[in-house]
Amino acid sequence: MTVLKNKILCSVLMYSTVSLLSTAHAADTLQKIKTSGKITLGYSESSEPVSYAVAGKPLGYALDTCHNIANEIKKELQIPNLKIEYKKVTAEQRIPEVTSGQIDLVCDTTTNTKDRQKEIGLSINYFAAEVRFAVKKDSNIKDIQDLNGKSVVTTKGTTSEKHILHIEKSKNIMLTTSYGKNHTEAFSMFASGKVTAFLQNESILASYIAKSPNPKDFIILGGQALAVEPYAIVFAKDDSKLKTVVDKVILNMWTSGQMDQLYKKWFQSPIPPQNINLNMPQSQIFKYLKTHPNNSGIVL
């Protein structure tokens, strides 16, 4: 765990109150919400159980977090009938949709990175995931070195693209990489045998394996995680007023134990649509975030 902490927590930026003073060019999403009477939340349709949809209804750990934020905005702006609208986005669409003003908050598995902090607004981290490979149980692949010369898939537009480059360099192995347009397509390529392994965050891997026709056919490689990724809620760059509200809500969720409740709801209880229980224990990095809420982003 010491190695994992050093990867993203060596320069932890502890939570501090952000000044409400905005620059002349800063976004003012709260004013836009007040004028329109609505807030638009972006979500993923395939990042179960963090952000996904069932029968067109967005739900998941991230959506519950954003609903708490929307309720706080409703109070702050005194809009009791604040309307919530939803917009489905892919990993490649989410940042452009925020920067163009089409979406107010992105509630999905966006990783907090140093590069993204230069482009968009990011909240206090509300979750953290470990990055791993999934393989078929009968593949005889026991560790990452066994993947040398093999084909792998990951999801286009996610940080996993860069993780593959890092893995090849640091582990001195060669991989043939394919990309799915979303997690569903990537897992389908893997499950059908078109590629040997699927690289993604462990929670997503566990979810897709659990709801597959034959979950026992797959395993997630253990050992040290290839990377750890903190998730943050996304909003417009330099919108300090909105960031103050968002961070206040997330910090309170950590300190009040509400994040523990959400974790139990989405990772340790039956979830829609198939009422499958992922039975995932909290990772060490998740436990660390509970006692050290922070805005820290990783370097890719």
C-alpha atoms as a PDB file:
ATOM      1  CA  MET A   1       0.000   0.000   0.000  1.00  0.00           C
ATOM      2  CA  THR A   2       2.972   2.323   0.596  1.00  0.00           C
ATOM      3  CA  VAL A   3       3.830   2.168  -3.101  1.00  0.00           C
ATOM      4  CA  LEU A   4       0.243   2.894  -4.092  1.00  0.00           C
ATOM      5  CA  LYS A   5       0.046   5.869  -1.780  1.00  0.00           C
ATOM      6  CA  ASN A   6       3.249   7.277  -3.165  1.00  0.00           C
ATOM      7  CA  LYS A   7       1.840   7.146  -6.679  1.00  0.00           C
ATOM      8  CA  ILE A   8      -1.011   9.571  -6.083  1.00  0.00           C
ATOM      9  CA  LEU A   9      -0.694  10.782  -2.538  1.00  0.00           C
ATOM     10  CA  CYS A  10       2.910  11.963  -2.307  1.00  0.00           C
ATOM     11  CA  SER A  11       1.710  15.491  -2.985  1.00  0.00           C
ATOM     12  CA  VAL A  12      -1.726  15.323  -1.382  1.00  0.00           C
ATOM     13  CA  LEU A  13      -3.485  18.646  -1.398  1.00  0.00           C
ATOM     14  CA  MET A  14      -5.596  18.666   1.721  1.00  0.00           C
ATOM     15  CA  TYR A  15      -9.032  20.165   1.419  1.00  0.00           C
ATOM     16  CA  SER A  16      -9.217  23.899   1.943  1.00  0.00           C
ATOM     17  CA  THR A  17     -11.983  26.396   1.403  1.00  0.00           C
ATOM     18  CA  VAL A  18     -11.868  27.935  -2.048  1.00  0.00           C
ATOM     19  CA  SER A  19     -12.326  31.683  -2.274  1.00  0.00           C
ATOM     20  CA  LEU A  20     -15.675  32.778  -3.644  1.00  0.00           C
ATOM     21  CA  LEU A  21     -13.990  35.531  -5.652  1.00  0.00           C
ATOM     22  CA  SER A  22     -13.982  34.670  -9.363  1.00  0.00           C
ATOM     23  CA  THR A  23     -11.859  36.110 -12.115  1.00  0.00           C
ATOM     24  CA  ALA A  24     -13.494  38.237 -14.753  1.00  0.00           C
ATOM     25  CA  HIS A  25     -13.491  35.324 -17.189  1.00  0.00           C
ATOM     26  CA  ALA A  26     -14.463  32.592 -14.759  1.00  0.00           C
ATOM     27  CA  ALA A  27     -17.581  30.560 -15.387  1.00  0.00           C
ATOM     28  CA  ASP A  28     -20.614  31.167 -13.193  1.00  0.00           C
ATOM     29  CA  THR A  29     -22.595  27.978 -13.494  1.00  0.00           C
ATOM     30  CA  LEU A  30     -24.661  28.736 -10.405  1.00  0.00           C
ATOM     31  CA  GLN A  31     -25.993  31.894 -12.025  1.00  0.00           C
ATOM     32  CA  LYS A  32     -26.819  29.948 -15.175  1.00  0.00           C
ATOM     33  CA  ILE A  33     -28.662  27.342 -13.092  1.00  0.00           C
ATOM     34  CA  LYS A  34     -30.544  30.049 -11.214  1.00  0.00           C
ATOM     35  CA  THR A  35     -31.621  31.728 -14.444  1.00  0.00           C
ATOM     36  CA  SER A  36     -32.690  28.527 -16.185  1.00  0.00           C
ATOM     37  CA  GLY A  37     -34.117  26.747 -13.149  1.00  0.00           C
ATOM     38  CA  LYS A  38     -32.380  23.525 -14.164  1.00  0.00           C
ATOM     39  CA  ILE A  39     -29.108  21.645 -13.735  1.00  0.00           C
ATOM     40  CA  THR A  40     -27.730  19.237 -16.334  1.00  0.00           C
ATOM     41  CA  LEU A  41     -25.869  16.139 -15.170  1.00  0.00           C
ATOM     42  CA  GLY A  42     -23.694  14.108 -17.513  1.00  0.00           C
ATOM     43  CA  TYR A  43     -23.452  10.370 -16.970  1.00  0.00           C
ATOM     44  CA  SER A  44     -22.018   7.211 -18.511  1.00  0.00           C
ATOM     45  CA  GLU A  45     -24.304   4.422 -19.640  1.00  0.00           C
ATOM     46  CA  SER A  46     -21.713   1.693 -19.089  1.00  0.00           C
ATOM     47  CA  SER A  47     -19.628   2.386 -15.946  1.00  0.00           C
ATOM     48  CA  GLU A  48     -21.606   0.185 -13.578  1.00  0.00           C
ATOM     49  CA  PRO A  49     -21.930   0.540 -10.609  1.00  0.00           C
ATOM     50  CA  VAL A  50     -20.526   4.082 -10.512  1.00  0.00           C
ATOM     51  CA  SER A  51     -22.439   5.621 -13.405  1.00  0.00           C
ATOM     52  CA  TYR A  52     -24.802   3.726 -15.693  1.00  0.00           C
ATOM     53  CA  ALA A  53     -28.416   3.507 -16.822  1.00  0.00           C
ATOM     54  CA  VAL A  54     -31.225   1.000 -16.495  1.00  0.00           C
ATOM     55  CA  ALA A  55     -34.203   1.416 -18.831  1.00  0.00           C
ATOM     56  CA  GLY A  56     -32.956   4.909 -19.599  1.00  0.00           C
ATOM     57  CA  LYS A  57     -32.719   5.945 -15.938  1.00  0.00           C
ATOM     58  CA  PRO A  58     -29.242   7.124 -14.824  1.00  0.00           C
ATOM     59  CA  LEU A  59     -28.079   5.685 -11.519  1.00  0.00           C
ATOM     60  CA  GLY A  60     -25.003   4.662  -9.552  1.00  0.00           C
ATOM     61  CA  TYR A  61     -22.548   5.809  -6.903  1.00  0.00           C
ATOM     62  CA  ALA A  62     -21.607   8.966  -8.830  1.00  0.00           C
ATOM     63  CA  LEU A  63     -25.215   9.888  -9.585  1.00  0.00           C
ATOM     64  CA  ASP A  64     -26.114   9.643  -5.886  1.00  0.00           C
ATOM     65  CA  THR A  65     -23.192  11.962  -5.147  1.00  0.00           C
ATOM     66  CA  CYS A  66     -24.349  14.453  -7.773  1.00  0.00           C
ATOM     67  CA  HIS A  67     -27.926  14.327  -6.488  1.00  0.00           C
ATOM     68  CA  ASN A  68     -26.627  15.433  -3.088  1.00  0.00           C
ATOM     69  CA  ILE A  69     -24.812  18.290  -4.800  1.00  0.00           C
ATOM     70  CA  ALA A  70     -27.956  19.261  -6.712  1.00  0.00           C
ATOM     71  CA  ASN A  71     -29.931  19.313  -3.444  1.00  0.00           C
ATOM     72  CA  GLU A  72     -27.355  21.636  -1.896  1.00  0.00           C
ATOM     73  CA  ILE A  73     -27.487  23.927  -4.936  1.00  0.00           C
ATOM     74  CA  LYS A  74     -31.279  23.940  -4.629  1.00  0.00           C
ATOM     75  CA  LYS A  75     -30.931  25.224  -1.054  1.00  0.00           C
ATOM     76  CA  GLU A  76     -28.163  27.717  -1.837  1.00  0.00           C
ATOM     77  CA  LEU A  77     -30.075  29.243  -4.750  1.00  0.00           C
ATOM     78  CA  GLN A  78     -33.483  28.872  -3.075  1.00  0.00           C
ATOM     79  CA  ILE A  79     -34.964  27.002  -6.017  1.00  0.00           C
ATOM     80  CA  PRO A  80     -37.259  24.371  -4.450  1.00  0.00           C
ATOM     81  CA  ASN A  81     -38.372  23.118  -7.862  1.00  0.00           C
ATOM     82  CA  LEU A  82     -34.927  22.862  -9.415  1.00  0.00           C
ATOM     83  CA  LYS A  83     -35.206  20.600 -12.466  1.00  0.00           C
ATOM     84  CA  ILE A  84     -32.560  17.941 -13.042  1.00  0.00           C
ATOM     85  CA  GLU A  85     -31.838  16.999 -16.635  1.00  0.00           C
ATOM     86  CA  TYR A  86     -29.510  14.187 -17.712  1.00  0.00           C
ATOM     87  CA  LYS A  87     -27.232  13.818 -20.708  1.00  0.00           C
ATOM     88  CA  LYS A  88     -25.465  10.609 -21.672  1.00  0.00           C
ATOM     89  CA  VAL A  89     -21.804  11.035 -22.606  1.00  0.00           C
ATOM     90  CA  THR A  90     -18.911   8.806 -23.625  1.00  0.00           C
ATOM     91  CA  ALA A  91     -15.414   9.168 -22.194  1.00  0.00           C
ATOM     92  CA  GLU A  92     -14.414  11.211 -25.239  1.00  0.00           C
ATOM     93  CA  GLN A  93     -17.475  13.502 -25.096  1.00  0.00           C
ATOM     94  CA  ARG A  94     -17.600  14.436 -21.409  1.00  0.00           C
ATOM     95  CA  ILE A  95     -14.916  17.143 -21.250  1.00  0.00           C
ATOM     96  CA  PRO A  96     -15.987  18.953 -24.460  1.00  0.00           C
ATOM     97  CA  GLU A  97     -19.598  18.912 -23.212  1.00  0.00           C
ATOM     98  CA  VAL A  98     -18.541  20.649 -19.990  1.00  0.00           C
ATOM     99  CA  THR A  99     -16.258  23.211 -21.604  1.00  0.00           C
ATOM    100  CA  SER A 100     -18.996  24.101 -24.099  1.00  0.00           C
ATOM    101  CA  GLY A 101     -21.534  24.594 -21.292  1.00  0.00           C
ATOM    102  CA  GLN A 102     -23.829  21.755 -22.375  1.00  0.00           C
ATOM    103  CA  ILE A 103     -23.342  19.922 -19.063  1.00  0.00           C
ATOM    104  CA  ASP A 104     -23.009  21.437 -15.580  1.00  0.00           C
ATOM    105  CA  LEU A 105     -21.635  18.409 -13.707  1.00  0.00           C
ATOM    106  CA  VAL A 106     -20.165  15.181 -15.051  1.00  0.00           C
ATOM    107  CA  CYS A 107     -21.044  12.316 -12.731  1.00  0.00           C
ATOM    108  CA  ASP A 108     -19.009   9.364 -13.933  1.00  0.00           C
ATOM    109  CA  THR A 109     -15.615   7.697 -13.611  1.00  0.00           C
ATOM    110  CA  THR A 110     -13.489  10.687 -14.625  1.00  0.00           C
ATOM    111  CA  THR A 111     -10.008  10.302 -13.165  1.00  0.00           C
ATOM    112  CA  ASN A 112      -8.493  13.340 -11.481  1.00  0.00           C
ATOM    113  CA  THR A 113      -5.209  13.977 -13.327  1.00  0.00           C
ATOM    114  CA  LYS A 114      -2.760  16.876 -13.282  1.00  0.00           C
ATOM    115  CA  ASP A 115      -3.326  17.459 -16.996  1.00  0.00           C
ATOM    116  CA  ARG A 116      -7.106  17.576 -16.631  1.00  0.00           C
ATOM    117  CA  GLN A 117      -6.808  20.084 -13.782  1.00  0.00           C
ATOM    118  CA  LYS A 118      -5.434  22.526 -16.380  1.00  0.00           C
ATOM    119  CA  GLU A 119      -8.486  22.080 -18.593  1.00  0.00           C
ATOM    120  CA  ILE A 120     -11.524  21.547 -16.348  1.00  0.00           C
ATOM    121  CA  GLY A 121     -12.754  22.007 -12.803  1.00  0.00           C
ATOM    122  CA  LEU A 122     -12.446  18.933 -10.574  1.00  0.00           C
ATOM    123  CA  SER A 123     -13.931  18.324  -7.150  1.00  0.00           C
ATOM    124  CA  ILE A 124     -12.490  16.710  -4.076  1.00  0.00           C
ATOM    125  CA  ASN A 125     -12.002  13.051  -4.991  1.00  0.00           C
ATOM    126  CA  TYR A 126     -15.177  11.114  -4.218  1.00  0.00           C
ATOM    127  CA  PHE A 127     -13.864   7.623  -4.992  1.00  0.00           C
ATOM    128  CA  ALA A 128     -10.661   5.771  -5.889  1.00  0.00           C
ATOM    129  CA  ALA A 129     -10.228   2.689  -8.053  1.00  0.00           C
ATOM    130  CA  GLU A 130      -7.440   0.232  -8.767  1.00  0.00           C
ATOM    131  CA  VAL A 131      -6.475  -0.521 -12.381  1.00  0.00           C
ATOM    132  CA  ARG A 132      -6.068  -4.203 -13.256  1.00  0.00           C
ATOM    133  CA  PHE A 133      -6.292  -6.758 -16.061  1.00  0.00           C
ATOM    134  CA  ALA A 134      -9.115  -9.282 -16.464  1.00  0.00           C
ATOM    135  CA  VAL A 135      -8.326 -12.543 -18.253  1.00  0.00           C
ATOM    136  CA  LYS A 136     -10.080 -15.828 -18.891  1.00  0.00           C
ATOM    137  CA  LYS A 137      -9.501 -18.408 -16.174  1.00  0.00           C
ATOM    138  CA  ASP A 138      -8.353 -21.044 -18.679  1.00  0.00           C
ATOM    139  CA  SER A 139      -5.796 -18.703 -20.293  1.00  0.00           C
ATOM    140  CA  ASN A 140      -3.024 -19.811 -17.888  1.00  0.00           C
ATOM    141  CA  ILE A 141      -2.087 -16.156 -17.437  1.00  0.00           C
ATOM    142  CA  LYS A 142      -1.032 -15.640 -13.837  1.00  0.00           C
ATOM    143  CA  ASP A 143       0.642 -12.239 -13.924  1.00  0.00           C
ATOM    144  CA  ILE A 144       1.333  -9.324 -16.212  1.00  0.00           C
ATOM    145  CA  GLN A 145       4.537 -10.810 -17.646  1.00  0.00           C
ATOM    146  CA  ASP A 146       2.451 -13.630 -19.121  1.00  0.00           C
ATOM    147  CA  LEU A 147       0.725 -11.028 -21.307  1.00  0.00           C
ATOM    148  CA  ASN A 148       3.908 -10.261 -23.249  1.00  0.00           C
ATOM    149  CA  GLY A 149       3.097 -10.499 -26.958  1.00  0.00           C
ATOM    150  CA  LYS A 150      -0.629 -10.844 -26.274  1.00  0.00           C
ATOM    151  CA  SER A 151      -3.590  -8.693 -27.368  1.00  0.00           C
ATOM    152  CA  VAL A 152      -5.455  -6.479 -24.904  1.00  0.00           C
ATOM    153  CA  VAL A 153      -8.397  -4.096 -25.046  1.00  0.00           C
ATOM    154  CA  THR A 154      -9.322  -0.987 -23.111  1.00  0.00           C
ATOM    155  CA  THR A 155     -11.861   1.802 -23.487  1.00  0.00           C
ATOM    156  CA  LYS A 156     -11.216   4.709 -25.848  1.00  0.00           C
ATOM    157  CA  GLY A 157     -10.877   8.101 -24.195  1.00  0.00           C
ATOM    158  CA  THR A 158     -10.016   6.763 -20.729  1.00  0.00           C
ATOM    159  CA  THR A 159      -6.762   7.047 -18.793  1.00  0.00           C
ATOM    160  CA  SER A 160      -6.190   3.331 -19.382  1.00  0.00           C
ATOM    161  CA  GLU A 161      -4.780   4.218 -22.803  1.00  0.00           C
ATOM    162  CA  LYS A 162      -1.798   5.843 -21.107  1.00  0.00           C
ATOM    163  CA  HIS A 163      -1.535   3.075 -18.535  1.00  0.00           C
ATOM    164  CA  ILE A 164      -0.889   0.571 -21.325  1.00  0.00           C
ATOM    165  CA  LEU A 165       2.017   2.651 -22.637  1.00  0.00           C
ATOM    166  CA  HIS A 166       3.438   2.901 -19.124  1.00  0.00           C
ATOM    167  CA  ILE A 167       3.026  -0.838 -18.532  1.00  0.00           C
ATOM    168  CA  GLU A 168       4.861  -1.712 -21.751  1.00  0.00           C
ATOM    169  CA  LYS A 169       7.757   0.553 -20.810  1.00  0.00           C
ATOM    170  CA  SER A 170       8.027  -0.256 -17.106  1.00  0.00           C
ATOM    171  CA  LYS A 171       7.465  -4.023 -17.459  1.00  0.00           C
ATOM    172  CA  ASN A 172       9.442  -4.352 -20.702  1.00  0.00           C
ATOM    173  CA  ILE A 173       6.638  -6.170 -22.483  1.00  0.00           C
ATOM    174  CA  MET A 174       4.879  -5.697 -25.807  1.00  0.00           C
ATOM    175  CA  LEU A 175       1.092  -5.598 -26.119  1.00  0.00           C
ATOM    176  CA  THR A 176      -1.190  -5.379 -29.140  1.00  0.00           C
ATOM    177  CA  THR A 177      -3.877  -2.918 -28.086  1.00  0.00           C
ATOM    178  CA  SER A 178      -7.448  -2.555 -29.315  1.00  0.00           C
ATOM    179  CA  TYR A 179     -10.049  -0.025 -28.148  1.00  0.00           C
ATOM    180  CA  GLY A 180     -13.752  -0.237 -27.461  1.00  0.00           C
ATOM    181  CA  LYS A 181     -15.885   2.879 -27.877  1.00  0.00           C
ATOM    182  CA  ASN A 182     -17.280   2.188 -24.390  1.00  0.00           C
ATOM    183  CA  HIS A 183     -16.843  -0.388 -21.622  1.00  0.00           C
ATOM    184  CA  THR A 184     -19.586  -2.609 -23.023  1.00  0.00           C
ATOM    185  CA  GLU A 185     -17.913  -2.918 -26.401  1.00  0.00           C
ATOM    186  CA  ALA A 186     -14.486  -3.446 -24.814  1.00  0.00           C
ATOM    187  CA  PHE A 187     -15.753  -6.251 -22.574  1.00  0.00           C
ATOM    188  CA  SER A 188     -17.561  -7.869 -25.509  1.00  0.00           C
ATOM    189  CA  MET A 189     -14.295  -7.963 -27.479  1.00  0.00           C
ATOM    190  CA  PHE A 190     -12.595  -9.581 -24.499  1.00  0.00           C
ATOM    191  CA  ALA A 191     -15.347 -12.071 -23.649  1.00  0.00           C
ATOM    192  CA  SER A 192     -15.682 -13.203 -27.273  1.00  0.00           C
ATOM    193  CA  GLY A 193     -11.981 -14.078 -27.424  1.00  0.00           C
ATOM    194  CA  LYS A 194     -10.925 -11.357 -29.869  1.00  0.00           C
ATOM    195  CA  VAL A 195      -8.344 -10.233 -27.305  1.00  0.00           C
ATOM    196  CA  THR A 196      -6.648 -11.924 -24.370  1.00  0.00           C
ATOM    197  CA  ALA A 197      -7.184  -9.334 -21.630  1.00  0.00           C
ATOM    198  CA  PHE A 198      -9.243  -6.283 -20.675  1.00  0.00           C
ATOM    199  CA  LEU A 199      -7.526  -3.423 -18.838  1.00  0.00           C
ATOM    200  CA  GLN A 200      -9.791  -1.157 -16.798  1.00  0.00           C
ATOM    201  CA  ASN A 201     -10.651  -0.072 -13.269  1.00  0.00           C
ATOM    202  CA  GLU A 202     -11.330  -3.073 -11.044  1.00  0.00           C
ATOM    203  CA  SER A 203     -14.863  -1.987 -10.140  1.00  0.00           C
ATOM    204  CA  ILE A 204     -15.840  -1.908 -13.816  1.00  0.00           C
ATOM    205  CA  LEU A 205     -14.158  -5.247 -14.497  1.00  0.00           C
ATOM    206  CA  ALA A 206     -15.914  -6.839 -11.517  1.00  0.00           C
ATOM    207  CA  SER A 207     -19.283  -5.496 -12.620  1.00  0.00           C
ATOM    208  CA  TYR A 208     -19.025  -6.768 -16.193  1.00  0.00           C
ATOM    209  CA  ILE A 209     -17.762 -10.159 -15.078  1.00  0.00           C
ATOM    210  CA  ALA A 210     -20.543 -10.487 -12.483  1.00  0.00           C
ATOM    211  CA  LYS A 211     -23.313  -9.834 -15.000  1.00  0.00           C
ATOM    212  CA  SER A 212     -21.825 -11.989 -17.774  1.00  0.00           C
ATOM    213  CA  PRO A 213     -23.489 -15.358 -18.564  1.00  0.00           C
ATOM    214  CA  ASN A 214     -20.551 -17.276 -17.052  1.00  0.00           C
ATOM    215  CA  PRO A 215     -18.767 -15.171 -14.401  1.00  0.00           C
ATOM    216  CA  LYS A 216     -16.608 -18.126 -13.311  1.00  0.00           C
ATOM    217  CA  ASP A 217     -14.910 -18.066 -16.718  1.00  0.00           C
ATOM    218  CA  PHE A 218     -13.021 -14.885 -15.808  1.00  0.00           C
ATOM    219  CA  ILE A 219     -10.546 -13.696 -13.191  1.00  0.00           C
ATOM    220  CA  ILE A 220      -9.015 -10.342 -12.299  1.00  0.00           C
ATOM    221  CA  LEU A 221      -5.248 -10.549 -11.909  1.00  0.00           C
ATOM    222  CA  GLY A 222      -4.235  -9.926  -8.309  1.00  0.00           C
ATOM    223  CA  GLY A 223      -1.027  -8.610  -6.819  1.00  0.00           C
ATOM    224  CA  GLN A 224      -0.093  -4.960  -6.752  1.00  0.00           C
ATOM    225  CA  ALA A 225      -2.452  -2.737  -8.697  1.00  0.00           C
ATOM    226  CA  LEU A 226      -1.073  -1.362 -11.963  1.00  0.00           C
ATOM    227  CA  ALA A 227      -2.288   2.086 -10.934  1.00  0.00           C
ATOM    228  CA  VAL A 228      -4.735   3.799  -8.621  1.00  0.00           C
ATOM    229  CA  GLU A 229      -7.142   6.400  -9.943  1.00  0.00           C
ATOM    230  CA  PRO A 230      -9.019   8.999  -7.879  1.00  0.00           C
ATOM    231  CA  TYR A 231     -12.421   9.952  -9.307  1.00  0.00           C
ATOM    232  CA  ALA A 232     -13.721  13.521  -9.212  1.00  0.00           C
ATOM    233  CA  ILE A 233     -16.894  15.338 -10.276  1.00  0.00           C
ATOM    234  CA  VAL A 234     -16.249  17.527 -13.319  1.00  0.00           C
ATOM    235  CA  PHE A 235     -17.425  21.100 -13.920  1.00  0.00           C
ATOM    236  CA  ALA A 236     -16.289  24.250 -15.756  1.00  0.00           C
ATOM    237  CA  LYS A 237     -12.737  25.477 -15.289  1.00  0.00           C
ATOM    238  CA  ASP A 238     -12.208  28.340 -12.781  1.00  0.00           C
ATOM    239  CA  ASP A 239     -15.777  28.201 -11.467  1.00  0.00           C
ATOM    240  CA  SER A 240     -14.807  28.771  -7.840  1.00  0.00           C
ATOM    241  CA  LYS A 241     -18.376  29.401  -6.656  1.00  0.00           C
ATOM    242  CA  LEU A 242     -19.562  26.027  -7.900  1.00  0.00           C
ATOM    243  CA  LYS A 243     -16.422  24.279  -6.661  1.00  0.00           C
ATOM    244  CA  THR A 244     -17.033  25.610  -3.154  1.00  0.00           C
ATOM    245  CA  VAL A 245     -20.506  24.049  -3.089  1.00  0.00           C
ATOM    246  CA  VAL A 246     -19.437  20.769  -4.699  1.00  0.00           C
ATOM    247  CA  ASP A 247     -16.438  20.310  -2.409  1.00  0.00           C
ATOM    248  CA  LYS A 248     -18.463  21.149   0.686  1.00  0.00           C
ATOM    249  CA  VAL A 249     -20.967  18.395  -0.150  1.00  0.00           C
ATOM    250  CA  ILE A 250     -18.336  15.762  -0.922  1.00  0.00           C
ATOM    251  CA  LEU A 251     -16.252  16.592   2.144  1.00  0.00           C
ATOM    252  CA  ASN A 252     -19.342  16.243   4.326  1.00  0.00           C
ATOM    253  CA  MET A 253     -20.151  12.905   2.688  1.00  0.00           C
ATOM    254  CA  TRP A 254     -16.691  11.620   3.616  1.00  0.00           C
ATOM    255  CA  THR A 255     -16.710  12.899   7.185  1.00  0.00           C
ATOM    256  CA  SER A 256     -20.311  11.910   7.940  1.00  0.00           C
ATOM    257  CA  GLY A 257     -19.889   8.312   6.789  1.00  0.00           C
ATOM    258  CA  GLN A 258     -22.253   8.737   3.846  1.00  0.00           C
ATOM    259  CA  MET A 259     -19.586   7.528   1.412  1.00  0.00           C
ATOM    260  CA  ASP A 260     -19.416   4.287   3.406  1.00  0.00           C
ATOM    261  CA  GLN A 261     -23.175   3.967   3.001  1.00  0.00           C
ATOM    262  CA  LEU A 262     -22.932   4.541  -0.748  1.00  0.00           C
ATOM    263  CA  TYR A 263     -20.147   1.990  -1.017  1.00  0.00           C
ATOM    264  CA  LYS A 264     -22.252  -0.602   0.766  1.00  0.00           C
ATOM    265  CA  LYS A 265     -25.241   0.232  -1.452  1.00  0.00           C
ATOM    266  CA  TRP A 266     -23.402  -0.106  -4.768  1.00  0.00           C
ATOM    267  CA  PHE A 267     -20.538  -2.528  -4.106  1.00  0.00           C
ATOM    268  CA  GLN A 268     -21.784  -4.785  -1.326  1.00  0.00           C
ATOM    269  CA  SER A 269     -25.534  -5.120  -2.017  1.00  0.00           C
ATOM    270  CA  PRO A 270     -27.666  -6.380  -4.916  1.00  0.00           C
ATOM    271  CA  ILE A 271     -27.887  -3.699  -7.614  1.00  0.00           C
ATOM    272  CA  PRO A 272     -30.090  -3.206 -10.693  1.00  0.00           C
ATOM    273  CA  PRO A 273     -30.819  -4.507 -13.199  1.00  0.00           C
ATOM    274  CA  GLN A 274     -29.912  -8.104 -12.335  1.00  0.00           C
ATOM    275  CA  ASN A 275     -29.695  -7.718  -8.540  1.00  0.00           C
ATOM    276  CA  ILE A 276     -26.098  -8.949  -8.540  1.00  0.00           C
ATOM    277  CA  ASN A 277     -23.937  -8.273  -5.484  1.00  0.00           C
ATOM    278  CA  LEU A 278     -20.326  -7.470  -6.433  1.00  0.00           C
ATOM    279  CA  ASN A 279     -19.175  -8.201  -2.866  1.00  0.00           C
ATOM    280  CA  MET A 280     -16.139  -5.951  -3.277  1.00  0.00           C
ATOM    281  CA  PRO A 281     -14.303  -5.060  -0.062  1.00  0.00           C
ATOM    282  CA  GLN A 282     -13.127  -1.473   0.308  1.00  0.00           C
ATOM    283  CA  SER A 283      -9.634  -0.979  -1.081  1.00  0.00           C
ATOM    284  CA  GLN A 284      -6.865   0.507   1.029  1.00  0.00           C
ATOM    285  CA  ILE A 285      -6.866   3.651  -1.105  1.00  0.00           C
ATOM    286  CA  PHE A 286     -10.616   4.122  -0.553  1.00  0.00           C
ATOM    287  CA  LYS A 287     -10.069   3.787   3.204  1.00  0.00           C
ATOM    288  CA  TYR A 288      -7.282   6.351   2.993  1.00  0.00           C
ATOM    289  CA  LEU A 289      -9.563   8.865   1.268  1.00  0.00           C
ATOM    290  CA  LYS A 290     -12.033   8.552   4.146  1.00  0.00           C
ATOM    291  CA  THR A 291      -9.485   9.964   6.575  1.00  0.00           C
ATOM    292  CA  HIS A 292      -7.634  12.172   4.091  1.00  0.00           C
ATOM    293  CA  PRO A 293     -10.154  13.781   1.672  1.00  0.00           C
ATOM    294  CA  ASN A 294      -8.168  15.625  -0.979  1.00  0.00           C
ATOM    295  CA  ASN A 295      -8.053  17.177  -4.440  1.00  0.00           C
ATOM    296  CA  SER A 296      -4.888  15.358  -5.485  1.00  0.00           C
ATOM    297  CA  GLY A 297      -4.582  14.331  -9.118  1.00  0.00           C
ATOM    298  CA  ILE A 298      -2.272  11.722 -10.616  1.00  0.00           C
ATOM    299  CA  VAL A 299       0.393  12.256 -13.262  1.00  0.00           C
ATOM    300  CA  LEU A 300       0.030  10.216 -16.437  1.00  0.00           C
END
